[in-house]
């Protein structure tokens, strides 16, 4: 009989069995435990290479380390699971047995990616050149290989190992191959480069490695693709699907201990100038000339002589119709008339009959399109598309106008484009709105990806 206080924990496979089968299995396990002793039970469970082997290997290594490597070696050879074999490799790597290095080298030829990565990283942490070489070979080989979903963790650890390998060549290899990988893998690379300060051995990174990290992050600042992520910062600000180039700029500012250099939560137009400021620091460190940072867009307020008669007419309006006519004349002035109208609105009492109309007119003026451009990664627009977009300049962006433009662009997509991304951003500085249109270039689908239709919208206020 099983002792009343015995906790039997020997594998998740029991969860799929019936209560009767679980009891019979536990009884057999306890009989074996009493008959063979814990060491032999741990050895036999490890050798099987099944779902319980990794757990039992850890117990074996903790209590009987001299017997662990042989059992783990047999278990790894028998294992048919990517994850479990990787965990067996990790347990072996922590042993003091002199045969561990040979085992790790043999695992570089394992049939699964995860144990190969774990073995290579373990060798690198032992200052064995075979480890870094294997990590680089795995990374370079990914371009021409189809990976499974279960390989995601392995690729993350591969990136981590390469970043902390201490090898400038490994870092530059990460940078040169980034473009061939999904944006989430590229984001993982950026995050690892941001925090790297020591190698796998625990030594501070060599100056050449630091230079390589900065160079890769600098190049990544031009990557305009958005990641599929959402984070909430300590200051309460959130970051939703940030652009990879922004993550790279933030990573450089963080590495240089210059947090004020780049604010990833700032408006897009502010971040654009800040990325150039980050670039200039990098250029200065490389002994190169800085680039010019464009001044922020500014709209000169209309002259008082222009606005005062219009505002007096508005104040003297006796009816809603008269008020609308006065506001129409003010809106015709365009963005230069916004500061004066805002001041007029601020002086009105909330219950003034004119307040709703003046407030609506102020909002329309504030959303006047002052700048239009196509995204840097946009497919080439046709003349028809150019004219349709440029026709929005100087006009307020309303819901109806936005939807009309979206429908029109969707119907006139040029060859080589598979969608459209429209960004409307207004900075609260009376400078109007920026309208950026990106005709999403049509790229070959990733291997194994089924046809998809994706629609999304996002409003940040």
Protein backbone atom coordinates (compact mmCIF):
# COMPACT_ATOMS: atom_id res chain seq x y z
CA UNK A 1 0.00 0.00 0.00
CA UNK A 2 1.04 3.59 -0.61
CA UNK A 3 1.85 5.52 2.56
CA UNK A 4 -0.97 7.96 3.39
CA UNK A 5 1.32 10.98 3.34
CA UNK A 6 3.20 10.09 0.13
CA UNK A 7 2.96 12.56 -2.75
CA UNK A 8 3.49 10.75 -6.05
CA UNK A 9 4.63 13.11 -8.82
CA UNK A 10 6.14 11.28 -11.75
CA UNK A 11 4.86 12.72 -14.97
CA UNK A 12 2.10 14.62 -16.68
CA UNK A 13 1.11 11.50 -18.63
CA UNK A 14 -0.81 10.26 -15.58
CA UNK A 15 -3.31 13.08 -16.00
CA UNK A 16 -4.70 11.37 -19.10
CA UNK A 17 -5.33 8.06 -17.33
CA UNK A 18 -8.39 7.00 -15.36
CA UNK A 19 -8.37 7.15 -11.57
CA UNK A 20 -7.98 3.38 -11.46
CA UNK A 21 -5.04 3.41 -13.87
CA UNK A 22 -3.40 6.24 -11.95
CA UNK A 23 -3.71 4.32 -8.71
CA UNK A 24 -2.27 1.16 -10.30
CA UNK A 25 0.61 3.15 -11.82
CA UNK A 26 1.36 4.84 -8.51
CA UNK A 27 1.30 1.49 -6.70
CA UNK A 28 3.78 0.05 -9.20
CA UNK A 29 5.99 3.13 -8.91
CA UNK A 30 6.05 2.83 -5.12
CA UNK A 31 6.86 -0.89 -5.30
CA UNK A 32 9.74 -0.18 -7.67
CA UNK A 33 10.89 2.65 -5.43
CA UNK A 34 10.97 0.34 -2.41
CA UNK A 35 12.56 -2.53 -4.31
CA UNK A 36 15.16 -0.68 -6.42
CA UNK A 37 15.79 2.45 -4.43
CA UNK A 38 15.45 6.03 -5.56
CA UNK A 39 18.70 6.14 -7.54
CA UNK A 40 17.77 3.26 -9.82
CA UNK A 41 14.24 4.61 -10.27
CA UNK A 42 15.65 8.02 -11.29
CA UNK A 43 18.16 6.39 -13.67
CA UNK A 44 15.55 4.20 -15.40
CA UNK A 45 13.12 7.12 -15.74
CA UNK A 46 15.82 9.36 -17.22
CA UNK A 47 16.96 6.73 -19.73
CA UNK A 48 13.45 6.39 -21.17
CA UNK A 49 13.57 9.85 -22.73
CA UNK A 50 9.82 10.30 -22.21
CA UNK A 51 7.67 13.03 -20.68
CA UNK A 52 8.95 12.40 -17.16
CA UNK A 53 12.65 12.07 -18.01
CA UNK A 54 13.62 15.73 -17.63
CA UNK A 55 12.14 15.93 -14.13
CA UNK A 56 13.73 12.70 -12.96
CA UNK A 57 17.07 13.69 -14.52
CA UNK A 58 17.11 16.83 -12.37
CA UNK A 59 16.50 14.71 -9.26
CA UNK A 60 19.19 12.28 -10.29
CA UNK A 61 21.70 15.07 -10.93
CA UNK A 62 20.92 16.72 -7.60
CA UNK A 63 21.31 13.56 -5.48
CA UNK A 64 23.55 11.27 -7.53
CA UNK A 65 25.56 13.50 -9.93
CA UNK A 66 28.15 10.80 -10.67
CA UNK A 67 25.50 8.62 -12.34
CA UNK A 68 23.61 11.43 -14.06
CA UNK A 69 25.56 12.03 -17.28
CA UNK A 70 25.39 8.44 -18.52
CA UNK A 71 21.64 8.26 -17.94
CA UNK A 72 21.03 11.67 -19.49
CA UNK A 73 23.06 10.71 -22.56
CA UNK A 74 20.91 7.61 -23.08
CA UNK A 75 17.72 9.54 -22.38
CA UNK A 76 18.63 12.25 -24.91
CA UNK A 77 19.29 9.65 -27.60
CA UNK A 78 15.90 8.03 -26.93
CA UNK A 79 13.98 11.30 -26.65
CA UNK A 80 11.55 12.23 -29.43
CA UNK A 81 10.55 15.61 -28.00
CA UNK A 82 12.25 18.93 -28.78
CA UNK A 83 11.54 20.53 -25.40
CA UNK A 84 12.33 17.53 -23.17
CA UNK A 85 15.65 16.86 -24.91
CA UNK A 86 16.60 20.51 -24.48
CA UNK A 87 15.89 20.26 -20.74
CA UNK A 88 18.05 17.13 -20.52
CA UNK A 89 20.86 19.08 -22.17
CA UNK A 90 20.49 21.89 -19.62
CA UNK A 91 20.63 19.46 -16.70
CA UNK A 92 23.78 17.87 -18.12
CA UNK A 93 25.40 21.27 -18.67
CA UNK A 94 25.21 21.99 -14.91
CA UNK A 95 27.13 18.84 -14.00
CA UNK A 96 30.80 18.92 -13.03
CA UNK A 97 31.48 15.65 -14.87
CA UNK A 98 34.49 15.98 -17.24
CA UNK A 99 32.52 14.16 -19.92
CA UNK A 100 29.91 16.94 -20.19
CA UNK A 101 31.81 18.80 -22.92
CA UNK A 102 31.84 15.74 -25.17
CA UNK A 103 28.12 15.22 -24.56
CA UNK A 104 27.35 18.85 -25.42
CA UNK A 105 29.39 18.65 -28.62
CA UNK A 106 27.50 15.51 -29.64
CA UNK A 107 24.20 17.32 -29.06
CA UNK A 108 25.17 19.92 -31.67
CA UNK A 109 24.03 17.27 -34.15
CA UNK A 110 20.71 16.56 -32.40
CA UNK A 111 17.67 16.19 -34.70
CA UNK A 112 15.89 19.11 -33.00
CA UNK A 113 16.74 22.82 -32.93
CA UNK A 114 16.16 23.45 -29.23
CA UNK A 115 18.68 20.97 -27.78
CA UNK A 116 21.24 22.08 -30.39
CA UNK A 117 20.84 25.70 -29.27
CA UNK A 118 21.03 24.76 -25.58
CA UNK A 119 24.17 22.71 -26.18
CA UNK A 120 25.84 25.46 -28.22
CA UNK A 121 25.06 28.11 -25.59
CA UNK A 122 26.37 25.84 -22.83
CA UNK A 123 29.62 25.31 -24.74
CA UNK A 124 29.94 29.06 -25.31
CA UNK A 125 29.51 29.66 -21.58
CA UNK A 126 32.44 27.28 -21.08
CA UNK A 127 34.54 29.39 -23.47
CA UNK A 128 34.51 26.58 -26.04
CA UNK A 129 34.78 28.10 -29.56
CA UNK A 130 32.58 25.30 -30.90
CA UNK A 131 29.66 26.87 -29.05
CA UNK A 132 29.74 30.28 -30.74
CA UNK A 133 30.46 28.70 -34.12
CA UNK A 134 27.45 26.42 -33.72
CA UNK A 135 25.19 29.30 -32.67
CA UNK A 136 26.20 31.28 -35.76
CA UNK A 137 25.70 28.26 -38.01
CA UNK A 138 22.19 27.70 -36.60
CA UNK A 139 21.29 31.37 -37.10
CA UNK A 140 22.58 31.52 -40.67
CA UNK A 141 20.84 28.26 -41.48
CA UNK A 142 17.41 29.48 -40.39
CA UNK A 143 16.99 31.54 -43.56
CA UNK A 144 16.59 28.46 -45.70
CA UNK A 145 14.73 26.28 -43.20
CA UNK A 146 11.06 26.10 -42.25
CA UNK A 147 10.66 26.28 -38.48
CA UNK A 148 7.87 24.88 -36.33
CA UNK A 149 5.82 26.93 -33.88
CA UNK A 150 7.55 25.00 -31.09
CA UNK A 151 10.86 26.44 -32.32
CA UNK A 152 9.90 29.94 -31.13
CA UNK A 153 11.52 29.54 -27.72
CA UNK A 154 14.59 27.99 -29.32
CA UNK A 155 15.00 30.96 -31.66
CA UNK A 156 14.65 33.35 -28.71
CA UNK A 157 17.41 31.48 -26.86
CA UNK A 158 19.50 31.39 -30.04
CA UNK A 159 19.28 35.18 -30.28
CA UNK A 160 20.11 35.51 -26.58
CA UNK A 161 23.13 33.25 -26.98
CA UNK A 162 24.46 35.13 -29.99
CA UNK A 163 24.02 38.54 -28.34
CA UNK A 164 25.84 37.36 -25.22
CA UNK A 165 28.44 35.30 -27.04
CA UNK A 166 30.86 38.22 -26.80
CA UNK A 167 31.61 37.87 -30.51
CA UNK A 168 31.35 41.01 -32.69
CA UNK A 169 31.01 38.73 -35.71
CA UNK A 170 28.00 37.01 -34.12
CA UNK A 171 26.36 40.37 -33.40
CA UNK A 172 26.89 41.59 -36.96
CA UNK A 173 25.55 38.28 -38.26
CA UNK A 174 22.36 38.91 -36.31
CA UNK A 175 22.10 42.34 -37.91
CA UNK A 176 22.73 41.21 -41.47
CA UNK A 177 20.13 38.43 -41.26
CA UNK A 178 17.40 40.37 -39.43
CA UNK A 179 15.58 41.34 -42.61
CA UNK A 180 14.93 37.65 -43.41
CA UNK A 181 12.98 37.07 -40.19
CA UNK A 182 9.55 37.93 -38.83
CA UNK A 183 9.20 41.29 -37.10
CA UNK A 184 8.77 39.61 -33.70
CA UNK A 185 12.15 37.90 -34.08
CA UNK A 186 13.65 41.26 -35.04
CA UNK A 187 12.09 42.80 -31.93
CA UNK A 188 13.60 40.02 -29.81
CA UNK A 189 17.01 40.88 -31.25
CA UNK A 190 16.57 44.57 -30.43
CA UNK A 191 15.47 43.85 -26.85
CA UNK A 192 18.44 41.52 -26.29
CA UNK A 193 20.88 44.07 -27.72
CA UNK A 194 19.39 46.75 -25.48
CA UNK A 195 20.11 44.88 -22.23
CA UNK A 196 23.37 43.10 -23.10
CA UNK A 197 26.25 44.05 -20.81
CA UNK A 198 28.05 40.76 -20.10
CA UNK A 199 28.86 37.66 -22.12
CA UNK A 200 27.86 34.07 -21.34
CA UNK A 201 30.98 33.64 -19.24
CA UNK A 202 29.99 36.64 -17.13
CA UNK A 203 32.66 39.03 -18.38
CA UNK A 204 31.91 42.63 -19.49
CA UNK A 205 31.50 42.94 -23.26
CA UNK A 206 34.60 43.92 -25.25
CA UNK A 207 34.56 47.38 -26.83
CA UNK A 208 34.40 45.83 -30.32
CA UNK A 209 31.28 43.92 -29.31
CA UNK A 210 29.68 47.08 -27.93
CA UNK A 211 30.43 48.88 -31.20
CA UNK A 212 28.82 46.03 -33.15
CA UNK A 213 25.71 46.22 -30.95
CA UNK A 214 25.40 49.96 -31.53
CA UNK A 215 25.87 49.55 -35.27
CA UNK A 216 23.13 46.91 -35.53
CA UNK A 217 20.71 49.03 -33.49
CA UNK A 218 21.54 52.11 -35.58
CA UNK A 219 20.75 50.21 -38.78
CA UNK A 220 17.50 48.89 -37.25
CA UNK A 221 16.24 52.45 -36.70
CA UNK A 222 15.20 52.51 -40.37
CA UNK A 223 12.87 49.51 -39.93
CA UNK A 224 9.32 50.90 -40.20
CA UNK A 225 7.39 47.68 -39.55
CA UNK A 226 5.25 47.60 -36.42
CA UNK A 227 5.53 44.81 -33.87
CA UNK A 228 2.59 42.85 -32.54
CA UNK A 229 2.93 43.83 -28.91
CA UNK A 230 1.46 45.97 -26.14
CA UNK A 231 3.33 47.09 -23.03
CA UNK A 232 2.46 49.27 -20.06
CA UNK A 233 5.37 51.31 -18.70
CA UNK A 234 6.10 52.15 -15.07
CA UNK A 235 4.96 55.75 -15.64
CA UNK A 236 1.52 54.51 -16.68
CA UNK A 237 2.04 55.21 -20.40
CA UNK A 238 1.27 52.41 -22.83
CA UNK A 239 2.98 51.39 -26.06
CA UNK A 240 0.79 49.62 -28.59
CA UNK A 241 2.40 47.95 -31.62
CA UNK A 242 5.54 50.13 -31.63
CA UNK A 243 7.58 50.54 -34.79
CA UNK A 244 10.76 48.49 -34.71
CA UNK A 245 12.84 51.56 -35.57
CA UNK A 246 11.50 53.25 -32.44
CA UNK A 247 12.43 50.25 -30.30
CA UNK A 248 15.95 50.41 -31.72
CA UNK A 249 16.24 54.15 -31.00
CA UNK A 250 15.03 53.61 -27.45
CA UNK A 251 17.53 50.76 -27.03
CA UNK A 252 20.44 52.99 -28.08
CA UNK A 253 19.34 55.83 -25.80
CA UNK A 254 19.04 53.34 -22.95
CA UNK A 255 22.50 51.86 -23.60
CA UNK A 256 24.00 55.36 -23.59
CA UNK A 257 22.16 56.23 -20.35
CA UNK A 258 20.44 59.13 -22.13
CA UNK A 259 16.77 58.40 -21.47
CA UNK A 260 15.73 61.94 -22.47
CA UNK A 261 17.17 61.44 -25.95
CA UNK A 262 14.19 59.36 -27.13
CA UNK A 263 10.63 59.08 -25.87
CA UNK A 264 8.86 56.12 -27.48
CA UNK A 265 5.50 57.35 -26.13
CA UNK A 266 5.80 60.73 -27.89
CA UNK A 267 3.81 61.63 -31.06
CA UNK A 268 5.11 60.24 -34.34
CA UNK A 269 6.39 63.61 -35.58
CA UNK A 270 8.36 64.12 -32.35
CA UNK A 271 9.82 60.61 -32.53
CA UNK A 272 10.98 61.23 -36.10
CA UNK A 273 13.14 64.15 -34.99
CA UNK A 274 14.32 62.28 -31.91
CA UNK A 275 15.46 59.33 -34.03
CA UNK A 276 17.64 61.76 -35.97
CA UNK A 277 19.01 63.06 -32.67
CA UNK A 278 19.89 59.46 -31.71
CA UNK A 279 21.49 58.99 -35.13
CA UNK A 280 23.61 62.10 -34.57
CA UNK A 281 24.98 60.71 -31.31
CA UNK A 282 25.93 57.53 -33.16
CA UNK A 283 27.53 59.55 -35.98
CA UNK A 284 29.50 61.61 -33.48
CA UNK A 285 30.78 58.44 -31.79
CA UNK A 286 31.94 57.24 -35.22
CA UNK A 287 33.64 60.55 -36.04
CA UNK A 288 31.09 61.46 -38.73
CA UNK A 289 29.19 64.66 -39.47
CA UNK A 290 25.69 64.94 -38.00
CA UNK A 291 22.56 65.13 -40.13
CA UNK A 292 20.21 68.11 -40.09
CA UNK A 293 17.12 67.77 -37.91
CA UNK A 294 14.10 69.49 -39.55
CA UNK A 295 12.34 72.07 -37.44
CA UNK A 296 8.88 71.26 -36.14
CA UNK A 297 6.01 72.42 -38.33
CA UNK A 298 4.73 75.85 -37.28
CA UNK A 299 1.70 77.85 -38.43
CA UNK A 300 1.87 81.63 -37.98
CA UNK A 301 -1.29 83.01 -36.30
CA UNK A 302 -3.47 85.31 -38.40
CA UNK A 303 -3.02 89.02 -37.78
CA UNK A 304 -5.22 90.62 -35.14
CA UNK A 305 -6.55 92.99 -37.80
CA UNK A 306 -7.86 89.97 -39.68
CA UNK A 307 -9.40 88.12 -36.74
CA UNK A 308 -10.95 90.88 -34.62
CA UNK A 309 -13.68 91.88 -37.12
CA UNK A 310 -14.60 88.22 -37.61
CA UNK A 311 -14.80 87.56 -33.86
CA UNK A 312 -16.87 90.70 -33.32
CA UNK A 313 -19.29 89.51 -35.98
CA UNK A 314 -19.48 86.15 -34.18
CA UNK A 315 -20.17 87.83 -30.83
CA UNK A 316 -22.90 89.98 -32.38
CA UNK A 317 -24.70 87.04 -34.01
CA UNK A 318 -28.41 87.08 -33.02
CA UNK A 319 -29.34 83.61 -34.29
CA UNK A 320 -27.84 80.18 -34.84
CA UNK A 321 -27.80 80.83 -38.59
CA UNK A 322 -25.90 84.11 -38.15
CA UNK A 323 -23.46 82.36 -35.82
CA UNK A 324 -22.80 79.60 -38.34
CA UNK A 325 -22.14 82.16 -41.07
CA UNK A 326 -19.66 83.97 -38.82
CA UNK A 327 -17.90 80.71 -37.95
CA UNK A 328 -17.79 79.77 -41.62
CA UNK A 329 -15.89 83.00 -42.34
CA UNK A 330 -13.47 82.28 -39.49
CA UNK A 331 -12.87 78.70 -40.69
CA UNK A 332 -12.11 80.09 -44.15
CA UNK A 333 -9.02 81.73 -42.61
CA UNK A 334 -7.72 78.22 -41.99
CA UNK A 335 -5.21 77.14 -39.35
CA UNK A 336 -3.86 80.69 -38.78
CA UNK A 337 -7.25 81.55 -37.30
CA UNK A 338 -7.17 78.69 -34.75
CA UNK A 339 -5.33 80.43 -31.86
CA UNK A 340 -7.75 83.37 -31.82
CA UNK A 341 -10.81 81.11 -32.00
CA UNK A 342 -9.45 78.98 -29.12
CA UNK A 343 -9.04 82.09 -27.00
CA UNK A 344 -12.60 83.13 -27.83
CA UNK A 345 -13.88 79.65 -26.85
CA UNK A 346 -11.97 79.72 -23.56
CA UNK A 347 -13.72 82.97 -22.61
CA UNK A 348 -17.21 81.56 -23.28
CA UNK A 349 -19.21 80.11 -20.42
CA UNK A 350 -20.09 76.44 -20.77
CA UNK A 351 -23.82 77.22 -20.81
CA UNK A 352 -23.50 79.92 -23.48
CA UNK A 353 -25.73 79.00 -26.47
CA UNK A 354 -22.78 79.65 -28.78
CA UNK A 355 -20.44 77.26 -26.95
CA UNK A 356 -21.32 74.01 -28.86
CA UNK A 357 -21.00 75.65 -32.29
CA UNK A 358 -17.74 77.42 -31.44
CA UNK A 359 -16.32 74.23 -29.90
CA UNK A 360 -17.17 72.21 -33.04
CA UNK A 361 -15.61 74.84 -35.30
CA UNK A 362 -12.45 74.84 -33.15
CA UNK A 363 -12.18 71.06 -33.48
CA UNK A 364 -12.63 71.19 -37.25
CA UNK A 365 -9.93 73.83 -37.60
CA UNK A 366 -7.54 71.87 -35.37
CA UNK A 367 -7.98 68.82 -37.63
CA UNK A 368 -7.11 70.72 -40.79
CA UNK A 369 -4.52 68.80 -42.81
CA UNK A 370 -1.35 70.90 -42.86
CA UNK A 371 1.08 68.26 -44.18
CA UNK A 372 0.66 65.31 -46.52
CA UNK A 373 3.17 62.63 -47.34
CA UNK A 374 3.54 59.01 -48.37
CA UNK A 375 5.29 56.65 -45.98
CA UNK A 376 8.97 55.90 -46.49
CA UNK A 377 8.11 52.20 -47.01
CA UNK A 378 5.14 52.86 -49.29
CA UNK A 379 4.75 51.34 -52.73
CA UNK A 380 4.93 53.94 -55.51
CA UNK A 381 1.56 55.75 -55.80
CA UNK A 382 -0.08 56.37 -59.15
CA UNK A 383 -0.90 59.92 -60.28
CA UNK A 384 -4.57 59.25 -59.50
CA UNK A 385 -3.72 58.23 -55.93
CA UNK A 386 -1.40 61.22 -55.50
CA UNK A 387 -4.08 63.67 -56.57
CA UNK A 388 -6.69 62.04 -54.33
CA UNK A 389 -4.45 62.28 -51.29
CA UNK A 390 -3.10 65.77 -52.00
CA UNK A 391 -6.66 67.05 -52.40
CA UNK A 392 -7.08 66.66 -48.64
CA UNK A 393 -4.52 69.36 -47.82
CA UNK A 394 -6.01 72.42 -46.16
CA UNK A 395 -9.26 70.60 -45.38
CA UNK A 396 -10.46 69.23 -42.04
CA UNK A 397 -10.36 65.49 -41.50
CA UNK A 398 -13.87 64.36 -40.64
CA UNK A 399 -15.13 60.80 -40.29
CA UNK A 400 -16.94 61.01 -43.62
CA UNK A 401 -13.90 62.49 -45.39
CA UNK A 402 -11.63 59.83 -43.90
CA UNK A 403 -13.87 56.96 -44.99
CA UNK A 404 -14.27 58.43 -48.51
CA UNK A 405 -10.50 58.62 -48.84
CA UNK A 406 -10.05 55.08 -47.52
CA UNK A 407 -12.61 53.64 -49.94
CA UNK A 408 -11.10 55.54 -52.84
CA UNK A 409 -7.57 54.38 -52.08
CA UNK A 410 -8.70 50.78 -51.63
CA UNK A 411 -10.32 50.86 -55.08
CA UNK A 412 -7.27 52.42 -56.77
CA UNK A 413 -4.42 50.43 -55.24
CA UNK A 414 -1.47 50.40 -57.67
CA UNK A 415 0.17 47.22 -58.88
CA UNK A 416 2.54 45.91 -56.25
CA UNK A 417 0.42 47.01 -53.30
CA UNK A 418 -1.78 44.81 -51.14
CA UNK A 419 -3.33 47.32 -48.74
CA UNK A 420 -3.27 50.82 -47.35
CA UNK A 421 -2.29 52.28 -43.99
CA UNK A 422 -3.49 55.79 -43.16
CA UNK A 423 -2.09 57.75 -40.23
CA UNK A 424 -3.62 61.02 -39.11
CA UNK A 425 -1.80 62.72 -36.25
CA UNK A 426 -2.44 66.04 -34.59
CA UNK A 427 -0.01 67.47 -32.06
CA UNK A 428 -1.81 69.91 -29.72
CA UNK A 429 0.27 72.91 -30.80
CA UNK A 430 -2.10 74.56 -33.33
CA UNK A 431 -0.01 73.24 -36.22
CA UNK A 432 -2.77 71.16 -37.80
CA UNK A 433 -2.78 67.50 -38.71
CA UNK A 434 -0.30 65.30 -40.52
CA UNK A 435 -1.77 62.87 -43.06
CA UNK A 436 0.55 59.99 -43.94
CA UNK A 437 -0.51 57.34 -46.44
CA UNK A 438 1.37 54.10 -46.92
CA UNK A 439 0.51 51.78 -49.80
CA UNK A 440 1.58 48.50 -48.25
CA UNK A 441 3.99 46.74 -50.64
CA UNK A 442 2.98 43.27 -51.72
CA UNK A 443 5.55 40.78 -50.44
CA UNK A 444 5.81 37.03 -51.03
CA UNK A 445 3.86 35.15 -48.37
CA UNK A 446 5.82 33.31 -45.72
CA UNK A 447 6.19 29.62 -46.46
CA UNK A 448 3.33 27.59 -45.01
CA UNK A 449 1.13 30.63 -44.33
CA UNK A 450 -2.46 30.28 -45.56
CA UNK A 451 -4.22 33.20 -47.33
CA UNK A 452 -5.39 35.85 -44.88
CA UNK A 453 -7.49 38.99 -44.88
CA UNK A 454 -6.40 41.48 -42.24
CA UNK A 455 -8.20 44.70 -41.30
CA UNK A 456 -7.28 46.93 -38.42
CA UNK A 457 -7.66 50.45 -37.12
CA UNK A 458 -6.23 52.32 -34.17
CA UNK A 459 -6.95 55.75 -32.73
CA UNK A 460 -4.59 57.29 -30.20
CA UNK A 461 -5.82 60.38 -28.43
